[in-house]
Amino acid sequence: MAESIFTAEGIIRPALLLAAYRSGLFPMAMDDRGEIGWFSPDPRGVIPLDGFHVPKSLERTVKQGRFEIRFDTAFHEVITGCANRDSTWISDRIQASYEKLHELGYAHSVETWREGRLVGGLYGVSIAGAFFGESMFSRETDASKVALVALVRRLNSRGYGLLDTQWTTEHLSKFGCIDLPRQDYLDLLGNALKIETSF
């Protein structure tokens, strides 16, 4: 009998989840019953770290310092914010799985705060020199965008080689997100996984 992909606590086995990312796969909840689907889009969305574009109006917002940026101080709250929408692939099981990865040091949050309140942010998975962006949310205008700017600047400062967005959206294309054929993506991923760095 094949070993379950889930632990006794009902989360995706962390080793399996990390192996999936290293292979170019990621999970999404398919329905409310907890069914998990695994995806490897072709083409794959990525933001080239040397080609990241910050719109002028957003750059002004960043320079104004209206938001305080924090890392990994409210991971649970960030992923909860990302899941809190009418239609979401972030089921309770998915959320618990990534919170476990956070405990293990692989999943991270970038948070935007204003006047002591969490107003936006994003989270993703970091393995070697690859960061796999998962989701973002915003409770105030530009809050999640400022978090994305902070993420890219951190990745560049740490020498990362890949920022994976899974798919290219109209929103992300404004920041320089492009589509890569799967094999090109896998080549880029393989090189990023050879980089020795940490988030």
C-alpha atoms as a PDB file:
ATOM      1  CA  MET A   1       0.000   0.000   0.000  1.00  0.00           C
ATOM      2  CA  ALA A   2       1.383   3.392  -1.010  1.00  0.00           C
ATOM      3  CA  GLU A   3       2.323   5.796   1.748  1.00  0.00           C
ATOM      4  CA  SER A   4      -0.144   8.633   2.240  1.00  0.00           C
ATOM      5  CA  ILE A   5       0.958  12.082   1.133  1.00  0.00           C
ATOM      6  CA  PHE A   6      -0.440  13.333   4.445  1.00  0.00           C
ATOM      7  CA  THR A   7       0.957  13.122   7.964  1.00  0.00           C
ATOM      8  CA  ALA A   8      -1.049  11.826  10.897  1.00  0.00           C
ATOM      9  CA  GLU A   9      -2.015  15.468  11.549  1.00  0.00           C
ATOM     10  CA  GLY A  10      -3.555  15.686   8.081  1.00  0.00           C
ATOM     11  CA  ILE A  11      -1.031  18.028   6.464  1.00  0.00           C
ATOM     12  CA  ILE A  12       1.032  17.396   3.344  1.00  0.00           C
ATOM     13  CA  ARG A  13       4.281  15.725   4.336  1.00  0.00           C
ATOM     14  CA  PRO A  14       6.891  18.528   4.427  1.00  0.00           C
ATOM     15  CA  ALA A  15       9.557  16.423   2.684  1.00  0.00           C
ATOM     16  CA  LEU A  16       7.128  15.635  -0.132  1.00  0.00           C
ATOM     17  CA  LEU A  17       6.090  19.269  -0.457  1.00  0.00           C
ATOM     18  CA  LEU A  18       9.705  20.458  -0.676  1.00  0.00           C
ATOM     19  CA  ALA A  19      10.575  17.725  -3.174  1.00  0.00           C
ATOM     20  CA  ALA A  20       7.637  18.837  -5.317  1.00  0.00           C
ATOM     21  CA  TYR A  21       8.883  22.423  -5.421  1.00  0.00           C
ATOM     22  CA  ARG A  22      12.376  21.260  -6.339  1.00  0.00           C
ATOM     23  CA  SER A  23      10.793  19.356  -9.243  1.00  0.00           C
ATOM     24  CA  GLY A  24       8.693  22.281 -10.477  1.00  0.00           C
ATOM     25  CA  LEU A  25       5.383  21.211  -8.905  1.00  0.00           C
ATOM     26  CA  PHE A  26       3.117  22.903  -6.382  1.00  0.00           C
ATOM     27  CA  PRO A  27      -0.187  21.902  -4.745  1.00  0.00           C
ATOM     28  CA  MET A  28      -3.602  23.543  -4.716  1.00  0.00           C
ATOM     29  CA  ALA A  29      -6.795  22.477  -2.981  1.00  0.00           C
ATOM     30  CA  MET A  30      -9.325  21.294  -5.545  1.00  0.00           C
ATOM     31  CA  ASP A  31     -12.465  21.383  -3.403  1.00  0.00           C
ATOM     32  CA  ASP A  32     -13.804  21.720   0.142  1.00  0.00           C
ATOM     33  CA  ARG A  33     -13.252  17.986   0.795  1.00  0.00           C
ATOM     34  CA  GLY A  34      -9.509  18.500   0.962  1.00  0.00           C
ATOM     35  CA  GLU A  35      -8.545  16.946  -2.370  1.00  0.00           C
ATOM     36  CA  ILE A  36      -5.093  18.142  -3.481  1.00  0.00           C
ATOM     37  CA  GLY A  37      -4.046  18.740  -7.085  1.00  0.00           C
ATOM     38  CA  TRP A  38      -0.435  19.134  -8.232  1.00  0.00           C
ATOM     39  CA  PHE A  39       0.457  21.629 -10.928  1.00  0.00           C
ATOM     40  CA  SER A  40       3.368  22.451 -13.214  1.00  0.00           C
ATOM     41  CA  PRO A  41       2.085  25.126 -15.609  1.00  0.00           C
ATOM     42  CA  ASP A  42       3.440  25.431 -19.121  1.00  0.00           C
ATOM     43  CA  PRO A  43       4.229  28.231 -19.653  1.00  0.00           C
ATOM     44  CA  ARG A  44       5.326  29.218 -16.133  1.00  0.00           C
ATOM     45  CA  GLY A  45       5.176  32.742 -14.736  1.00  0.00           C
ATOM     46  CA  VAL A  46       8.365  34.251 -13.338  1.00  0.00           C
ATOM     47  CA  ILE A  47       9.536  37.734 -12.434  1.00  0.00           C
ATOM     48  CA  PRO A  48      13.150  38.128 -13.626  1.00  0.00           C
ATOM     49  CA  LEU A  49      14.953  39.569 -10.626  1.00  0.00           C
ATOM     50  CA  ASP A  50      17.101  41.734 -12.867  1.00  0.00           C
ATOM     51  CA  GLY A  51      14.064  42.933 -14.813  1.00  0.00           C
ATOM     52  CA  PHE A  52      11.677  43.866 -12.018  1.00  0.00           C
ATOM     53  CA  HIS A  53       9.717  47.014 -12.849  1.00  0.00           C
ATOM     54  CA  VAL A  54       8.319  49.346 -10.196  1.00  0.00           C
ATOM     55  CA  PRO A  55       5.682  51.762 -11.556  1.00  0.00           C
ATOM     56  CA  LYS A  56       6.506  55.389 -10.759  1.00  0.00           C
ATOM     57  CA  SER A  57       3.431  55.919  -8.597  1.00  0.00           C
ATOM     58  CA  LEU A  58       4.301  52.852  -6.530  1.00  0.00           C
ATOM     59  CA  GLU A  59       7.906  53.983  -6.177  1.00  0.00           C
ATOM     60  CA  ARG A  60       6.618  57.238  -4.709  1.00  0.00           C
ATOM     61  CA  THR A  61       4.512  55.271  -2.223  1.00  0.00           C
ATOM     62  CA  VAL A  62       7.530  53.198  -1.210  1.00  0.00           C
ATOM     63  CA  LYS A  63       9.683  56.295  -0.713  1.00  0.00           C
ATOM     64  CA  GLN A  64       6.983  57.982   1.389  1.00  0.00           C
ATOM     65  CA  GLY A  65       7.430  55.222   3.956  1.00  0.00           C
ATOM     66  CA  ARG A  66       3.719  54.992   4.627  1.00  0.00           C
ATOM     67  CA  PHE A  67       4.037  51.264   5.302  1.00  0.00           C
ATOM     68  CA  GLU A  68       6.386  49.454   7.648  1.00  0.00           C
ATOM     69  CA  ILE A  69       7.855  46.257   6.209  1.00  0.00           C
ATOM     70  CA  ARG A  70       8.328  43.217   8.409  1.00  0.00           C
ATOM     71  CA  PHE A  71       9.407  39.677   7.599  1.00  0.00           C
ATOM     72  CA  ASP A  72       8.095  36.514   9.250  1.00  0.00           C
ATOM     73  CA  THR A  73       6.400  38.189  12.196  1.00  0.00           C
ATOM     74  CA  ALA A  74       2.804  37.267  11.273  1.00  0.00           C
ATOM     75  CA  PHE A  75       2.893  34.300   8.903  1.00  0.00           C
ATOM     76  CA  HIS A  76      -0.396  32.840  10.149  1.00  0.00           C
ATOM     77  CA  GLU A  77      -2.159  36.168   9.748  1.00  0.00           C
ATOM     78  CA  VAL A  78      -0.768  36.659   6.226  1.00  0.00           C
ATOM     79  CA  ILE A  79      -1.810  33.250   4.899  1.00  0.00           C
ATOM     80  CA  THR A  80      -5.195  33.693   6.595  1.00  0.00           C
ATOM     81  CA  GLY A  81      -5.559  37.036   4.820  1.00  0.00           C
ATOM     82  CA  CYS A  82      -4.678  35.399   1.509  1.00  0.00           C
ATOM     83  CA  ALA A  83      -7.251  32.637   2.078  1.00  0.00           C
ATOM     84  CA  ASN A  84     -10.006  35.033   3.111  1.00  0.00           C
ATOM     85  CA  ARG A  85     -11.779  35.478  -0.214  1.00  0.00           C
ATOM     86  CA  ASP A  86     -14.881  34.120  -1.899  1.00  0.00           C
ATOM     87  CA  SER A  87     -13.013  31.559  -3.978  1.00  0.00           C
ATOM     88  CA  THR A  88      -9.669  30.216  -2.788  1.00  0.00           C
ATOM     89  CA  TRP A  89      -7.353  27.274  -3.336  1.00  0.00           C
ATOM     90  CA  ILE A  90      -5.949  27.767   0.182  1.00  0.00           C
ATOM     91  CA  SER A  91      -7.907  25.168   2.135  1.00  0.00           C
ATOM     92  CA  ASP A  92      -7.427  24.532   5.840  1.00  0.00           C
ATOM     93  CA  ARG A  93      -5.156  21.621   4.942  1.00  0.00           C
ATOM     94  CA  ILE A  94      -3.073  23.748   2.572  1.00  0.00           C
ATOM     95  CA  GLN A  95      -2.799  26.502   5.176  1.00  0.00           C
ATOM     96  CA  ALA A  96      -1.697  24.095   7.886  1.00  0.00           C
ATOM     97  CA  SER A  97       0.842  22.532   5.521  1.00  0.00           C
ATOM     98  CA  TYR A  98       2.491  25.873   4.799  1.00  0.00           C
ATOM     99  CA  GLU A  99       2.417  26.910   8.428  1.00  0.00           C
ATOM    100  CA  LYS A 100       4.424  23.752   9.099  1.00  0.00           C
ATOM    101  CA  LEU A 101       6.889  24.745   6.373  1.00  0.00           C
ATOM    102  CA  HIS A 102       7.153  28.126   8.081  1.00  0.00           C
ATOM    103  CA  GLU A 103       7.979  26.423  11.370  1.00  0.00           C
ATOM    104  CA  LEU A 104      10.695  24.480   9.549  1.00  0.00           C
ATOM    105  CA  GLY A 105      12.152  27.675   8.040  1.00  0.00           C
ATOM    106  CA  TYR A 106      11.073  27.197   4.424  1.00  0.00           C
ATOM    107  CA  ALA A 107       7.941  29.348   4.125  1.00  0.00           C
ATOM    108  CA  HIS A 108       8.147  33.086   4.693  1.00  0.00           C
ATOM    109  CA  SER A 109       5.904  36.120   4.875  1.00  0.00           C
ATOM    110  CA  VAL A 110       6.550  39.690   3.790  1.00  0.00           C
ATOM    111  CA  GLU A 111       4.208  41.999   5.673  1.00  0.00           C
ATOM    112  CA  THR A 112       3.090  45.600   5.312  1.00  0.00           C
ATOM    113  CA  TRP A 113       2.015  47.296   8.517  1.00  0.00           C
ATOM    114  CA  ARG A 114       0.543  50.724   9.167  1.00  0.00           C
ATOM    115  CA  GLU A 115      -0.048  52.207  12.598  1.00  0.00           C
ATOM    116  CA  GLY A 116       0.446  48.806  14.192  1.00  0.00           C
ATOM    117  CA  ARG A 117      -2.034  47.000  11.932  1.00  0.00           C
ATOM    118  CA  LEU A 118      -1.273  44.348   9.344  1.00  0.00           C
ATOM    119  CA  VAL A 119      -2.689  45.795   6.118  1.00  0.00           C
ATOM    120  CA  GLY A 120      -1.216  43.527   3.467  1.00  0.00           C
ATOM    121  CA  GLY A 121       1.462  41.067   2.542  1.00  0.00           C
ATOM    122  CA  LEU A 122       2.480  37.928   0.718  1.00  0.00           C
ATOM    123  CA  TYR A 123       3.954  34.527   1.454  1.00  0.00           C
ATOM    124  CA  GLY A 124       5.946  31.913  -0.375  1.00  0.00           C
ATOM    125  CA  VAL A 125       8.449  29.098  -0.140  1.00  0.00           C
ATOM    126  CA  SER A 126      12.221  29.541  -0.199  1.00  0.00           C
ATOM    127  CA  ILE A 127      14.610  26.744  -1.155  1.00  0.00           C
ATOM    128  CA  ALA A 128      18.260  27.603  -1.831  1.00  0.00           C
ATOM    129  CA  GLY A 129      18.229  30.470  -4.381  1.00  0.00           C
ATOM    130  CA  ALA A 130      14.614  29.974  -5.479  1.00  0.00           C
ATOM    131  CA  PHE A 131      11.583  31.748  -4.054  1.00  0.00           C
ATOM    132  CA  PHE A 132       8.156  30.421  -4.976  1.00  0.00           C
ATOM    133  CA  GLY A 133       5.539  33.120  -4.507  1.00  0.00           C
ATOM    134  CA  GLU A 134       2.202  31.713  -3.396  1.00  0.00           C
ATOM    135  CA  SER A 135      -0.330  34.441  -2.700  1.00  0.00           C
ATOM    136  CA  MET A 136      -0.783  38.041  -1.597  1.00  0.00           C
ATOM    137  CA  PHE A 137      -3.525  40.126  -0.006  1.00  0.00           C
ATOM    138  CA  SER A 138      -4.219  43.762   0.644  1.00  0.00           C
ATOM    139  CA  ARG A 139      -6.483  45.682   2.997  1.00  0.00           C
ATOM    140  CA  GLU A 140      -5.229  49.091   1.869  1.00  0.00           C
ATOM    141  CA  THR A 141      -4.267  50.452  -1.530  1.00  0.00           C
ATOM    142  CA  ASP A 142      -0.762  49.377  -2.594  1.00  0.00           C
ATOM    143  CA  ALA A 143      -0.118  47.350   0.580  1.00  0.00           C
ATOM    144  CA  SER A 144       0.542  44.052  -1.234  1.00  0.00           C
ATOM    145  CA  LYS A 145       2.458  45.815  -4.017  1.00  0.00           C
ATOM    146  CA  VAL A 146       4.815  47.371  -1.486  1.00  0.00           C
ATOM    147  CA  ALA A 147       5.350  43.907  -0.019  1.00  0.00           C
ATOM    148  CA  LEU A 148       6.281  42.627  -3.494  1.00  0.00           C
ATOM    149  CA  VAL A 149       8.823  45.422  -3.916  1.00  0.00           C
ATOM    150  CA  ALA A 150      10.308  44.551  -0.524  1.00  0.00           C
ATOM    151  CA  LEU A 151      10.441  40.870  -1.476  1.00  0.00           C
ATOM    152  CA  VAL A 152      12.297  41.496  -4.739  1.00  0.00           C
ATOM    153  CA  ARG A 153      14.792  43.822  -3.074  1.00  0.00           C
ATOM    154  CA  ARG A 154      15.460  41.218  -0.391  1.00  0.00           C
ATOM    155  CA  LEU A 155      15.907  38.432  -2.942  1.00  0.00           C
ATOM    156  CA  ASN A 156      18.310  40.558  -4.977  1.00  0.00           C
ATOM    157  CA  SER A 157      20.299  41.468  -1.883  1.00  0.00           C
ATOM    158  CA  ARG A 158      20.632  37.776  -0.976  1.00  0.00           C
ATOM    159  CA  GLY A 159      21.659  36.661  -4.453  1.00  0.00           C
ATOM    160  CA  TYR A 160      18.569  34.642  -5.391  1.00  0.00           C
ATOM    161  CA  GLY A 161      18.222  33.369  -8.934  1.00  0.00           C
ATOM    162  CA  LEU A 162      14.466  32.767  -9.279  1.00  0.00           C
ATOM    163  CA  LEU A 163      11.172  34.369  -8.301  1.00  0.00           C
ATOM    164  CA  ASP A 164       8.429  31.984  -9.401  1.00  0.00           C
ATOM    165  CA  THR A 165       4.884  33.400  -9.661  1.00  0.00           C
ATOM    166  CA  GLN A 166       3.322  30.179 -11.043  1.00  0.00           C
ATOM    167  CA  TRP A 167       1.209  32.016 -13.607  1.00  0.00           C
ATOM    168  CA  THR A 168       1.508  35.385 -15.325  1.00  0.00           C
ATOM    169  CA  THR A 169      -1.415  37.697 -14.606  1.00  0.00           C
ATOM    170  CA  GLU A 170      -2.233  41.134 -15.954  1.00  0.00           C
ATOM    171  CA  HIS A 171      -1.450  42.514 -12.497  1.00  0.00           C
ATOM    172  CA  LEU A 172       1.968  40.838 -12.276  1.00  0.00           C
ATOM    173  CA  SER A 173       2.894  41.720 -15.854  1.00  0.00           C
ATOM    174  CA  LYS A 174       3.042  45.365 -14.749  1.00  0.00           C
ATOM    175  CA  PHE A 175       6.047  44.384 -12.632  1.00  0.00           C
ATOM    176  CA  GLY A 176       7.859  42.574 -15.447  1.00  0.00           C
ATOM    177  CA  CYS A 177       6.421  39.082 -15.003  1.00  0.00           C
ATOM    178  CA  ILE A 178       6.949  36.901 -18.069  1.00  0.00           C
ATOM    179  CA  ASP A 179       6.013  33.426 -19.281  1.00  0.00           C
ATOM    180  CA  LEU A 180       8.692  30.775 -19.674  1.00  0.00           C
ATOM    181  CA  PRO A 181       8.308  27.424 -21.442  1.00  0.00           C
ATOM    182  CA  ARG A 182       8.407  24.630 -18.861  1.00  0.00           C
ATOM    183  CA  GLN A 183      11.861  23.379 -19.850  1.00  0.00           C
ATOM    184  CA  ASP A 184      13.333  26.883 -19.656  1.00  0.00           C
ATOM    185  CA  TYR A 185      11.747  27.251 -16.248  1.00  0.00           C
ATOM    186  CA  LEU A 186      13.138  23.924 -15.062  1.00  0.00           C
ATOM    187  CA  ASP A 187      16.611  24.943 -16.255  1.00  0.00           C
ATOM    188  CA  LEU A 188      16.326  28.228 -14.346  1.00  0.00           C
ATOM    189  CA  LEU A 189      15.040  26.376 -11.288  1.00  0.00           C
ATOM    190  CA  GLY A 190      17.913  23.901 -11.418  1.00  0.00           C
ATOM    191  CA  ASN A 191      20.454  26.716 -11.462  1.00  0.00           C
ATOM    192  CA  ALA A 192      18.704  28.559  -8.617  1.00  0.00           C
ATOM    193  CA  LEU A 193      18.743  25.428  -6.466  1.00  0.00           C
ATOM    194  CA  LYS A 194      22.558  25.391  -6.700  1.00  0.00           C
ATOM    195  CA  ILE A 195      22.812  28.841  -5.103  1.00  0.00           C
ATOM    196  CA  GLU A 196      23.818  28.859  -1.456  1.00  0.00           C
ATOM    197  CA  THR A 197      21.826  31.570   0.279  1.00  0.00           C
ATOM    198  CA  SER A 198      18.989  32.017   2.748  1.00  0.00           C
ATOM    199  CA  PHE A 199      15.951  34.219   3.079  1.00  0.00           C
END
